[in-house]
């Protein structure tokens, strides 16, 4: 074999080796992306505690709160005026106060009691059309309630009805039969359904 033939064979072998080396390197680099990881082969599962637990919602507890809003009143002096006319001191205004209560849950059944005390800005005046000097005034300054509650709990919702006692402090003036001013208290009942979330 001549030297020239041997050199050509060496050059050809070197090129072939370089091509094989580049191909092998490329396969080694690409292979991990083409096959699933070993953790997938073992049936990978999420570790315990990785999922957020669904919170338990219960209605058993004491609570204290406040409320603000609007209120309206319908006061009728048909039986207590001297002019013989029908006097309506309807009013609307601000109301705000506090509440305290307790609920006890038995499965889906919820029983509870609540007391509220509110101050109001309900004031109404009626000027007589017969003798124009007569003015009938009504101010409702305080409203209090004591109620019981029975409800049905579904997930985070409580649908309930409540009933009980309601009372208010009422100032009246302008009616001579009651004197220049009087401050009677009015009481009654309260009831109604509700659905807080």
N, C-alpha and C. Protein backbone atom coordinates (compact mmCIF):
# COMPACT_ATOMS: atom_id res chain seq x y z
N UNK A 1 0.85 -1.15 0.00
CA UNK A 1 0.00 0.00 0.00
C UNK A 1 0.90 1.22 0.00
N UNK A 2 0.58 2.13 -0.86
CA UNK A 2 1.42 3.32 -0.97
C UNK A 2 1.08 4.29 0.14
N UNK A 3 1.95 5.23 0.38
CA UNK A 3 1.76 6.24 1.42
C UNK A 3 0.58 7.13 1.08
N UNK A 4 0.43 7.43 -0.16
CA UNK A 4 -0.67 8.29 -0.58
C UNK A 4 -2.01 7.60 -0.31
N UNK A 5 -2.14 6.32 -0.57
CA UNK A 5 -3.38 5.58 -0.32
C UNK A 5 -3.64 5.49 1.17
N UNK A 6 -2.55 5.32 1.96
CA UNK A 6 -2.73 5.23 3.40
C UNK A 6 -3.22 6.57 3.96
N UNK A 7 -2.71 7.70 3.47
CA UNK A 7 -3.14 9.03 3.93
C UNK A 7 -4.61 9.28 3.58
N UNK A 8 -5.01 8.84 2.39
CA UNK A 8 -6.41 9.02 2.00
C UNK A 8 -7.33 8.22 2.91
N UNK A 9 -6.94 7.03 3.26
CA UNK A 9 -7.72 6.18 4.14
C UNK A 9 -7.81 6.79 5.54
N UNK A 10 -6.75 7.37 6.03
CA UNK A 10 -6.74 8.01 7.35
C UNK A 10 -7.66 9.22 7.36
N UNK A 11 -7.63 10.03 6.30
CA UNK A 11 -8.50 11.21 6.21
C UNK A 11 -9.96 10.79 6.16
N UNK A 12 -10.25 9.73 5.40
CA UNK A 12 -11.61 9.25 5.28
C UNK A 12 -12.10 8.72 6.63
N UNK A 13 -11.27 7.99 7.37
CA UNK A 13 -11.64 7.45 8.68
C UNK A 13 -11.87 8.57 9.68
N UNK A 14 -11.06 9.62 9.63
CA UNK A 14 -11.20 10.73 10.55
C UNK A 14 -12.51 11.46 10.32
N UNK A 15 -12.86 11.68 9.06
CA UNK A 15 -14.14 12.34 8.77
C UNK A 15 -15.30 11.47 9.25
N UNK A 16 -15.23 10.20 9.05
CA UNK A 16 -16.28 9.28 9.48
C UNK A 16 -16.40 9.29 11.00
N UNK A 17 -15.27 9.35 11.71
CA UNK A 17 -15.28 9.39 13.17
C UNK A 17 -15.91 10.67 13.70
N UNK A 18 -15.57 11.79 13.06
CA UNK A 18 -16.12 13.06 13.49
C UNK A 18 -17.64 13.08 13.30
N UNK A 19 -18.12 12.55 12.19
CA UNK A 19 -19.55 12.49 11.91
C UNK A 19 -20.25 11.61 12.94
N UNK A 20 -19.65 10.47 13.27
CA UNK A 20 -20.24 9.58 14.28
C UNK A 20 -20.26 10.25 15.65
N UNK A 21 -19.20 10.97 15.99
CA UNK A 21 -19.13 11.65 17.28
C UNK A 21 -20.21 12.74 17.40
N UNK A 22 -20.39 13.53 16.34
CA UNK A 22 -21.40 14.59 16.34
C UNK A 22 -22.80 13.99 16.44
N UNK A 23 -23.06 12.92 15.69
CA UNK A 23 -24.38 12.27 15.73
C UNK A 23 -24.66 11.69 17.12
N UNK A 24 -23.67 11.04 17.71
CA UNK A 24 -23.84 10.46 19.05
C UNK A 24 -24.09 11.56 20.09
N UNK A 25 -23.37 12.67 20.00
CA UNK A 25 -23.55 13.79 20.93
C UNK A 25 -24.95 14.38 20.82
N UNK A 26 -25.44 14.52 19.60
CA UNK A 26 -26.78 15.06 19.38
C UNK A 26 -27.84 14.13 19.96
N UNK A 27 -27.68 12.83 19.77
CA UNK A 27 -28.64 11.86 20.32
C UNK A 27 -28.64 11.88 21.85
N UNK A 28 -27.48 12.02 22.44
CA UNK A 28 -27.38 12.06 23.91
C UNK A 28 -28.08 13.33 24.44
N UNK A 29 -27.94 14.43 23.72
CA UNK A 29 -28.55 15.68 24.16
C UNK A 29 -30.07 15.67 24.00
N UNK A 30 -30.58 15.04 22.96
CA UNK A 30 -32.01 15.04 22.66
C UNK A 30 -32.77 13.93 23.41
N UNK A 31 -32.14 12.82 23.68
CA UNK A 31 -32.80 11.63 24.24
C UNK A 31 -33.60 11.89 25.51
N UNK A 32 -33.09 12.62 26.49
CA UNK A 32 -33.89 12.80 27.71
C UNK A 32 -35.24 13.47 27.46
N UNK A 33 -35.33 14.34 26.48
CA UNK A 33 -36.59 15.00 26.18
C UNK A 33 -37.58 14.11 25.46
N UNK A 34 -37.12 13.00 24.89
CA UNK A 34 -38.00 12.11 24.14
C UNK A 34 -38.60 10.99 24.96
N UNK A 35 -38.09 10.75 26.15
CA UNK A 35 -38.59 9.65 26.97
C UNK A 35 -39.18 10.22 28.27
N UNK A 36 -40.21 9.58 28.83
CA UNK A 36 -40.77 10.05 30.11
C UNK A 36 -39.75 9.90 31.23
N UNK A 37 -39.88 10.75 32.22
CA UNK A 37 -38.94 10.68 33.34
C UNK A 37 -39.18 9.43 34.16
N UNK A 38 -38.22 9.08 34.97
CA UNK A 38 -38.33 7.87 35.78
C UNK A 38 -39.43 8.02 36.83
N UNK A 39 -39.72 9.25 37.27
CA UNK A 39 -40.79 9.43 38.25
C UNK A 39 -42.15 9.09 37.64
N UNK A 40 -42.31 9.33 36.33
CA UNK A 40 -43.56 8.97 35.68
C UNK A 40 -43.69 7.46 35.55
N UNK A 41 -42.58 6.78 35.39
CA UNK A 41 -42.60 5.33 35.28
C UNK A 41 -43.03 4.68 36.58
N UNK A 42 -42.78 5.36 37.71
CA UNK A 42 -43.14 4.81 39.01
C UNK A 42 -44.57 5.16 39.42
N UNK A 43 -45.34 5.79 38.53
CA UNK A 43 -46.72 6.15 38.87
C UNK A 43 -46.75 7.32 39.84
N UNK A 44 -46.16 8.41 39.48
CA UNK A 44 -46.05 9.60 40.33
C UNK A 44 -47.43 10.06 40.79
N UNK A 45 -47.55 10.33 42.08
CA UNK A 45 -48.77 10.91 42.65
C UNK A 45 -48.38 12.13 43.46
N UNK A 46 -49.35 13.05 43.59
CA UNK A 46 -49.11 14.27 44.35
C UNK A 46 -48.96 13.93 45.83
N UNK A 47 -47.97 14.51 46.51
CA UNK A 47 -47.79 14.19 47.92
C UNK A 47 -48.98 14.64 48.76
N UNK A 48 -49.25 13.94 49.88
CA UNK A 48 -50.37 14.33 50.74
C UNK A 48 -50.16 15.75 51.26
N UNK A 49 -51.27 16.48 51.38
CA UNK A 49 -51.20 17.85 51.89
C UNK A 49 -50.93 18.87 50.80
N UNK A 50 -50.70 18.43 49.58
CA UNK A 50 -50.43 19.39 48.51
C UNK A 50 -51.71 20.08 48.05
N UNK A 51 -52.85 19.42 48.21
CA UNK A 51 -54.14 20.02 47.83
C UNK A 51 -54.69 20.80 49.02
N UNK A 52 -55.32 21.93 48.74
CA UNK A 52 -55.96 22.71 49.80
C UNK A 52 -57.22 22.00 50.25
N UNK A 53 -57.37 21.85 51.56
CA UNK A 53 -58.56 21.20 52.10
C UNK A 53 -59.75 22.14 52.01
N UNK A 54 -60.93 21.59 51.76
CA UNK A 54 -62.15 22.39 51.72
C UNK A 54 -62.48 22.78 53.16
N UNK A 55 -62.63 24.09 53.45
CA UNK A 55 -62.89 24.49 54.83
C UNK A 55 -64.28 24.08 55.28
N UNK A 56 -64.39 23.72 56.57
CA UNK A 56 -65.68 23.38 57.16
C UNK A 56 -66.38 24.67 57.55
N UNK A 57 -67.61 24.81 57.13
CA UNK A 57 -68.38 26.00 57.48
C UNK A 57 -69.46 25.58 58.46
N UNK A 58 -69.39 26.14 59.66
CA UNK A 58 -70.37 25.84 60.69
C UNK A 58 -70.99 27.13 61.21
N UNK A 59 -72.19 27.03 61.75
CA UNK A 59 -72.91 28.21 62.20
C UNK A 59 -73.00 28.29 63.72
N UNK A 60 -72.36 27.37 64.45
CA UNK A 60 -72.42 27.39 65.91
C UNK A 60 -71.40 28.37 66.45
N UNK A 61 -71.88 29.42 67.14
CA UNK A 61 -70.97 30.38 67.77
C UNK A 61 -71.73 31.62 68.22
N UNK A 62 -71.08 32.40 69.08
CA UNK A 62 -71.57 33.73 69.44
C UNK A 62 -71.14 34.70 68.35
N UNK A 63 -71.87 35.77 68.19
CA UNK A 63 -71.46 36.81 67.25
C UNK A 63 -71.90 38.18 67.76
N UNK A 64 -71.15 39.19 67.36
CA UNK A 64 -71.43 40.58 67.68
C UNK A 64 -71.26 41.35 66.38
N UNK A 65 -72.15 42.28 66.10
CA UNK A 65 -72.04 43.02 64.85
C UNK A 65 -72.73 44.36 64.92
N UNK A 66 -72.71 45.05 63.82
CA UNK A 66 -73.34 46.35 63.73
C UNK A 66 -74.05 46.48 62.40
N UNK A 67 -74.93 47.45 62.33
CA UNK A 67 -75.65 47.70 61.08
C UNK A 67 -75.91 49.19 60.93
N UNK A 68 -75.93 49.62 59.69
CA UNK A 68 -76.32 50.99 59.34
C UNK A 68 -77.19 50.91 58.10
N UNK A 69 -78.08 51.87 57.95
CA UNK A 69 -78.93 51.84 56.76
C UNK A 69 -80.04 52.86 56.86
N UNK A 70 -81.10 52.58 56.15
CA UNK A 70 -82.26 53.46 56.13
C UNK A 70 -83.46 52.77 56.74
N UNK A 71 -84.39 53.57 57.25
CA UNK A 71 -85.62 53.01 57.85
C UNK A 71 -86.77 53.94 57.51
N UNK A 72 -87.97 53.44 57.65
CA UNK A 72 -89.16 54.26 57.45
C UNK A 72 -90.20 53.88 58.49
N UNK A 73 -91.08 54.82 58.77
CA UNK A 73 -92.13 54.58 59.76
C UNK A 73 -93.46 55.08 59.21
N UNK A 74 -94.53 54.48 59.68
CA UNK A 74 -95.89 54.90 59.33
C UNK A 74 -96.64 55.09 60.65
N UNK A 75 -96.83 56.33 61.06
CA UNK A 75 -97.49 56.66 62.32
C UNK A 75 -98.85 57.28 62.00
N UNK A 76 -99.91 56.74 62.62
CA UNK A 76 -101.28 57.18 62.35
C UNK A 76 -101.90 57.69 63.64
N UNK A 77 -102.33 58.96 63.65
CA UNK A 77 -102.96 59.56 64.83
C UNK A 77 -104.47 59.64 64.66
N UNK A 78 -105.09 58.70 64.01
CA UNK A 78 -106.53 58.76 63.75
C UNK A 78 -107.35 58.78 65.04
N UNK A 79 -106.87 58.15 66.10
CA UNK A 79 -107.66 58.04 67.32
C UNK A 79 -107.24 59.03 68.41
N UNK A 80 -106.24 59.85 68.18
CA UNK A 80 -105.73 60.68 69.28
C UNK A 80 -105.51 62.13 68.87
N UNK A 81 -106.33 62.67 67.99
CA UNK A 81 -106.16 64.08 67.65
C UNK A 81 -107.44 64.85 67.94
N UNK A 82 -107.28 66.13 68.20
CA UNK A 82 -108.42 66.95 68.58
C UNK A 82 -109.13 67.60 67.40
N UNK A 83 -108.50 67.62 66.28
CA UNK A 83 -109.09 68.30 65.12
C UNK A 83 -110.00 67.39 64.32
N UNK A 84 -110.00 66.08 64.59
CA UNK A 84 -110.88 65.16 63.90
C UNK A 84 -110.38 64.74 62.52
N UNK A 85 -109.24 65.17 62.13
CA UNK A 85 -108.70 64.78 60.82
C UNK A 85 -107.71 63.62 60.98
N UNK A 86 -107.51 62.91 59.89
CA UNK A 86 -106.57 61.79 59.91
C UNK A 86 -105.15 62.36 59.79
N UNK A 87 -104.29 62.03 60.76
CA UNK A 87 -102.92 62.54 60.81
C UNK A 87 -101.95 61.39 60.53
N UNK A 88 -101.19 61.51 59.47
CA UNK A 88 -100.17 60.50 59.15
C UNK A 88 -98.79 61.15 59.23
N UNK A 89 -98.01 60.73 60.19
CA UNK A 89 -96.64 61.22 60.33
C UNK A 89 -95.68 60.17 59.78
N UNK A 90 -95.75 59.93 58.49
CA UNK A 90 -94.83 58.96 57.88
C UNK A 90 -93.46 59.62 57.74
N UNK A 91 -92.43 58.86 58.03
CA UNK A 91 -91.07 59.41 57.99
C UNK A 91 -90.10 58.37 57.47
N UNK A 92 -88.97 58.85 56.98
CA UNK A 92 -87.86 57.97 56.61
C UNK A 92 -86.57 58.64 57.04
N UNK A 93 -85.56 57.83 57.33
CA UNK A 93 -84.30 58.39 57.78
C UNK A 93 -83.27 57.33 58.07
N UNK A 94 -82.23 57.72 58.78
CA UNK A 94 -81.08 56.88 59.10
C UNK A 94 -81.39 55.96 60.28
N UNK A 95 -80.81 54.76 60.27
CA UNK A 95 -80.86 53.85 61.41
C UNK A 95 -79.49 53.19 61.54
N UNK A 96 -79.05 53.02 62.76
CA UNK A 96 -77.77 52.34 63.00
C UNK A 96 -77.75 51.78 64.40
N UNK A 97 -77.05 50.67 64.59
CA UNK A 97 -77.01 50.06 65.91
C UNK A 97 -76.14 48.82 65.95
N UNK A 98 -76.39 48.01 66.96
CA UNK A 98 -75.59 46.81 67.16
C UNK A 98 -76.46 45.60 67.42
N UNK A 99 -75.83 44.44 67.32
CA UNK A 99 -76.55 43.18 67.54
C UNK A 99 -75.61 42.18 68.21
N UNK A 100 -76.19 41.30 68.98
CA UNK A 100 -75.45 40.22 69.61
C UNK A 100 -76.34 38.98 69.55
N UNK A 101 -75.73 37.83 69.32
CA UNK A 101 -76.55 36.62 69.20
C UNK A 101 -75.74 35.36 69.34
N UNK A 102 -76.45 34.24 69.29
CA UNK A 102 -75.83 32.92 69.37
C UNK A 102 -76.61 31.97 68.48
N UNK A 103 -75.88 31.14 67.73
CA UNK A 103 -76.47 30.09 66.91
C UNK A 103 -75.91 28.75 67.33
N UNK A 104 -76.73 27.71 67.23
CA UNK A 104 -76.31 26.33 67.48
C UNK A 104 -76.77 25.48 66.31
N UNK A 105 -75.82 24.76 65.70
CA UNK A 105 -76.14 23.95 64.53
C UNK A 105 -76.26 22.48 64.92
N UNK A 106 -77.33 21.83 64.45
CA UNK A 106 -77.59 20.40 64.65
C UNK A 106 -77.75 19.79 63.26
N UNK A 107 -76.68 19.26 62.68
CA UNK A 107 -76.74 18.79 61.30
C UNK A 107 -76.95 19.98 60.38
N UNK A 108 -78.05 19.97 59.63
CA UNK A 108 -78.38 21.12 58.78
C UNK A 108 -79.31 22.12 59.47
N UNK A 109 -79.86 21.75 60.63
CA UNK A 109 -80.77 22.62 61.37
C UNK A 109 -79.97 23.60 62.22
N UNK A 110 -80.34 24.88 62.15
CA UNK A 110 -79.68 25.92 62.95
C UNK A 110 -80.74 26.63 63.78
N UNK A 111 -80.52 26.69 65.11
CA UNK A 111 -81.39 27.43 66.03
C UNK A 111 -80.58 28.55 66.64
N UNK A 112 -81.21 29.70 66.88
CA UNK A 112 -80.46 30.81 67.46
C UNK A 112 -81.34 31.86 68.08
N UNK A 113 -80.68 32.82 68.75
CA UNK A 113 -81.37 33.96 69.36
C UNK A 113 -80.52 35.20 69.10
N UNK A 114 -81.19 36.36 68.98
CA UNK A 114 -80.49 37.59 68.67
C UNK A 114 -81.18 38.77 69.35
N UNK A 115 -80.39 39.72 69.83
CA UNK A 115 -80.92 40.97 70.38
C UNK A 115 -80.28 42.13 69.64
N UNK A 116 -81.07 43.15 69.29
CA UNK A 116 -80.55 44.32 68.59
C UNK A 116 -81.01 45.58 69.33
N UNK A 117 -80.20 46.62 69.22
CA UNK A 117 -80.55 47.93 69.73
C UNK A 117 -80.09 48.94 68.69
N UNK A 118 -81.03 49.79 68.23
CA UNK A 118 -80.72 50.74 67.15
C UNK A 118 -81.22 52.12 67.51
N UNK A 119 -80.47 53.12 67.08
CA UNK A 119 -80.91 54.51 67.17
C UNK A 119 -81.35 54.97 65.79
N UNK A 120 -82.37 55.82 65.73
CA UNK A 120 -82.90 56.25 64.43
C UNK A 120 -83.01 57.76 64.35
N UNK A 121 -83.17 58.24 63.15
CA UNK A 121 -83.45 59.65 62.89
C UNK A 121 -84.81 59.76 62.20
N UNK A 122 -85.80 59.04 62.73
CA UNK A 122 -87.15 59.06 62.14
C UNK A 122 -87.97 60.13 62.84
N UNK A 123 -88.31 61.16 62.11
CA UNK A 123 -89.06 62.27 62.68
C UNK A 123 -90.06 62.77 61.65
N UNK A 124 -91.29 62.97 62.08
CA UNK A 124 -92.32 63.45 61.16
C UNK A 124 -93.19 64.51 61.81
N UNK A 125 -93.60 65.51 61.03
CA UNK A 125 -94.49 66.58 61.50
C UNK A 125 -95.68 66.68 60.56
N UNK A 126 -96.84 66.96 61.17
CA UNK A 126 -98.06 67.17 60.39
C UNK A 126 -98.71 68.46 60.87
N UNK A 127 -98.87 69.42 59.97
CA UNK A 127 -99.54 70.68 60.33
C UNK A 127 -101.01 70.56 59.93
N UNK A 128 -101.88 70.82 60.90
CA UNK A 128 -103.31 70.69 60.68
C UNK A 128 -103.80 71.71 59.64
N UNK A 129 -104.80 71.28 58.86
CA UNK A 129 -105.42 72.19 57.88
C UNK A 129 -106.68 72.84 58.44
N UNK A 130 -107.18 72.35 59.58
CA UNK A 130 -108.41 72.95 60.16
C UNK A 130 -108.02 74.16 61.00
N UNK A 131 -107.55 74.00 62.23
CA UNK A 131 -106.91 75.16 62.84
C UNK A 131 -105.41 75.03 62.56
N UNK A 132 -104.87 75.91 61.78
CA UNK A 132 -103.49 75.78 61.30
C UNK A 132 -102.46 75.83 62.41
N UNK A 133 -102.85 76.21 63.62
CA UNK A 133 -101.89 76.30 64.72
C UNK A 133 -101.50 74.93 65.27
N UNK A 134 -102.30 73.90 65.01
CA UNK A 134 -102.00 72.58 65.57
C UNK A 134 -100.93 71.88 64.72
N UNK A 135 -99.91 71.37 65.40
CA UNK A 135 -98.86 70.58 64.74
C UNK A 135 -98.69 69.29 65.53
N UNK A 136 -98.72 68.20 64.83
CA UNK A 136 -98.52 66.89 65.45
C UNK A 136 -97.13 66.40 65.06
N UNK A 137 -96.29 66.13 66.05
CA UNK A 137 -94.90 65.69 65.80
C UNK A 137 -94.68 64.30 66.38
N UNK A 138 -93.92 63.51 65.67
CA UNK A 138 -93.56 62.16 66.11
C UNK A 138 -92.07 61.94 65.88
N UNK A 139 -91.36 61.52 66.91
CA UNK A 139 -89.93 61.17 66.81
C UNK A 139 -89.74 59.77 67.35
N UNK A 140 -89.20 58.89 66.52
CA UNK A 140 -88.86 57.53 66.97
C UNK A 140 -87.35 57.51 67.13
N UNK A 141 -86.89 57.43 68.38
CA UNK A 141 -85.45 57.56 68.64
C UNK A 141 -84.74 56.22 68.83
N UNK A 142 -85.44 55.20 69.32
CA UNK A 142 -84.79 53.91 69.62
C UNK A 142 -85.70 52.76 69.22
N UNK A 143 -85.09 51.74 68.64
CA UNK A 143 -85.80 50.50 68.32
C UNK A 143 -84.97 49.34 68.85
N UNK A 144 -85.64 48.43 69.55
CA UNK A 144 -84.96 47.24 70.09
C UNK A 144 -85.74 46.00 69.68
N UNK A 145 -85.03 44.91 69.45
CA UNK A 145 -85.68 43.63 69.12
C UNK A 145 -85.00 42.49 69.87
N UNK A 146 -85.77 41.48 70.19
CA UNK A 146 -85.26 40.21 70.72
C UNK A 146 -85.97 39.13 69.92
N UNK A 147 -85.21 38.33 69.17
CA UNK A 147 -85.84 37.36 68.27
C UNK A 147 -85.19 35.98 68.41
N UNK A 148 -85.96 34.99 68.01
CA UNK A 148 -85.46 33.63 67.87
C UNK A 148 -85.32 33.32 66.39
N UNK A 149 -84.46 32.37 66.08
CA UNK A 149 -84.20 32.05 64.68
C UNK A 149 -84.24 30.54 64.50
N UNK A 150 -84.81 30.09 63.38
CA UNK A 150 -84.75 28.69 62.97
C UNK A 150 -84.38 28.68 61.50
N UNK A 151 -83.33 27.93 61.17
CA UNK A 151 -82.87 27.95 59.79
C UNK A 151 -82.37 26.61 59.30
N UNK A 152 -82.02 26.59 58.03
CA UNK A 152 -81.51 25.40 57.36
C UNK A 152 -80.21 25.79 56.68
N UNK A 153 -79.11 25.12 57.05
CA UNK A 153 -77.79 25.42 56.49
C UNK A 153 -77.48 24.52 55.31
N UNK A 154 -77.04 25.14 54.22
CA UNK A 154 -76.61 24.42 53.03
C UNK A 154 -75.27 25.01 52.62
N UNK A 155 -74.19 24.25 52.81
CA UNK A 155 -72.84 24.70 52.49
C UNK A 155 -72.57 26.02 53.21
N UNK A 156 -72.31 27.10 52.50
CA UNK A 156 -72.03 28.37 53.16
C UNK A 156 -73.26 29.26 53.28
N UNK A 157 -74.42 28.76 52.99
CA UNK A 157 -75.66 29.53 53.05
C UNK A 157 -76.50 29.10 54.24
N UNK A 158 -77.20 30.07 54.84
CA UNK A 158 -78.14 29.79 55.91
C UNK A 158 -79.46 30.48 55.55
N UNK A 159 -80.48 29.68 55.31
CA UNK A 159 -81.82 30.21 55.01
C UNK A 159 -82.61 30.07 56.30
N UNK A 160 -83.15 31.18 56.81
CA UNK A 160 -83.82 31.12 58.11
C UNK A 160 -85.02 32.05 58.17
N UNK A 161 -85.84 31.79 59.19
CA UNK A 161 -86.96 32.67 59.54
C UNK A 161 -86.78 33.04 61.00
N UNK A 162 -87.21 34.25 61.36
CA UNK A 162 -87.10 34.66 62.75
C UNK A 162 -88.35 35.39 63.18
N UNK A 163 -88.62 35.34 64.47
CA UNK A 163 -89.80 36.01 65.03
C UNK A 163 -89.48 36.36 66.47
N UNK A 164 -90.17 37.37 67.00
CA UNK A 164 -89.93 37.75 68.39
C UNK A 164 -90.59 39.05 68.76
N UNK A 165 -89.98 39.77 69.71
CA UNK A 165 -90.50 41.01 70.27
C UNK A 165 -89.76 42.20 69.67
N UNK A 166 -90.49 43.30 69.44
CA UNK A 166 -89.87 44.54 68.98
C UNK A 166 -90.47 45.69 69.78
N UNK A 167 -89.65 46.66 70.13
CA UNK A 167 -90.13 47.82 70.88
C UNK A 167 -89.42 49.08 70.41
N UNK A 168 -90.06 50.22 70.64
CA UNK A 168 -89.46 51.48 70.23
C UNK A 168 -89.82 52.59 71.20
N UNK A 169 -88.95 53.59 71.29
CA UNK A 169 -89.22 54.77 72.11
C UNK A 169 -89.71 55.87 71.17
N UNK A 170 -90.93 56.35 71.43
CA UNK A 170 -91.58 57.32 70.54
C UNK A 170 -91.87 58.59 71.32
N UNK A 171 -91.43 59.74 70.83
CA UNK A 171 -91.77 61.05 71.41
C UNK A 171 -92.85 61.68 70.55
N UNK A 172 -93.95 62.09 71.22
CA UNK A 172 -95.04 62.76 70.50
C UNK A 172 -95.27 64.13 71.12
N UNK A 173 -95.69 65.07 70.31
CA UNK A 173 -95.99 66.40 70.84
C UNK A 173 -97.06 67.06 69.98
N UNK A 174 -97.71 68.10 70.57
CA UNK A 174 -98.71 68.86 69.83
C UNK A 174 -100.11 68.38 70.06
N UNK A 175 -100.31 67.37 70.90
CA UNK A 175 -101.65 66.85 71.13
C UNK A 175 -102.02 67.16 72.58
N UNK A 176 -102.97 68.08 72.81
CA UNK A 176 -103.29 68.47 74.19
C UNK A 176 -103.75 67.32 75.07
N UNK A 177 -104.34 66.26 74.49
CA UNK A 177 -104.79 65.14 75.32
C UNK A 177 -103.62 64.44 76.00
N UNK A 178 -102.42 64.50 75.39
CA UNK A 178 -101.25 63.87 75.99
C UNK A 178 -100.36 64.90 76.69
N UNK A 179 -100.77 66.15 76.72
CA UNK A 179 -99.93 67.21 77.29
C UNK A 179 -99.03 67.76 76.20
N UNK A 180 -98.17 68.74 76.54
CA UNK A 180 -97.31 69.33 75.53
C UNK A 180 -96.36 68.33 74.90
N UNK A 181 -95.84 67.41 75.68
CA UNK A 181 -95.00 66.33 75.14
C UNK A 181 -95.24 65.07 75.94
N UNK A 182 -95.00 63.95 75.32
CA UNK A 182 -95.09 62.66 75.99
C UNK A 182 -94.07 61.74 75.35
N UNK A 183 -93.65 60.74 76.11
CA UNK A 183 -92.66 59.78 75.60
C UNK A 183 -93.11 58.36 75.87
N UNK A 184 -94.13 57.90 75.16
CA UNK A 184 -94.57 56.52 75.37
C UNK A 184 -93.64 55.53 74.68
N UNK A 185 -93.75 54.30 75.08
CA UNK A 185 -93.02 53.22 74.41
C UNK A 185 -94.03 52.39 73.66
N UNK A 186 -93.67 51.96 72.47
CA UNK A 186 -94.53 51.13 71.66
C UNK A 186 -93.87 49.77 71.52
N UNK A 187 -94.66 48.71 71.63
CA UNK A 187 -94.11 47.35 71.47
C UNK A 187 -94.95 46.61 70.44
N UNK A 188 -94.36 45.55 69.91
CA UNK A 188 -95.06 44.75 68.93
C UNK A 188 -94.25 43.50 68.62
N UNK A 189 -94.53 42.92 67.49
CA UNK A 189 -93.84 41.70 67.08
C UNK A 189 -93.00 41.95 65.85
N UNK A 190 -92.12 41.02 65.60
CA UNK A 190 -91.29 41.07 64.40
C UNK A 190 -91.18 39.68 63.83
N UNK A 191 -91.17 39.56 62.51
CA UNK A 191 -90.98 38.26 61.87
C UNK A 191 -90.51 38.48 60.44
N UNK A 192 -90.01 37.42 59.85
CA UNK A 192 -89.61 37.50 58.46
C UNK A 192 -88.55 36.50 58.09
N UNK A 193 -88.46 36.16 56.80
CA UNK A 193 -87.42 35.23 56.32
C UNK A 193 -86.18 36.00 55.91
N UNK A 194 -85.06 35.28 55.83
CA UNK A 194 -83.81 35.88 55.38
C UNK A 194 -82.90 34.79 54.87
N UNK A 195 -81.87 35.19 54.10
CA UNK A 195 -80.91 34.21 53.55
C UNK A 195 -79.54 34.84 53.44
N UNK A 196 -78.78 34.97 54.56
CA UNK A 196 -77.42 35.51 54.45
C UNK A 196 -76.45 34.46 53.96
N UNK A 197 -75.41 34.89 53.30
CA UNK A 197 -74.39 33.96 52.81
C UNK A 197 -73.12 34.07 53.56
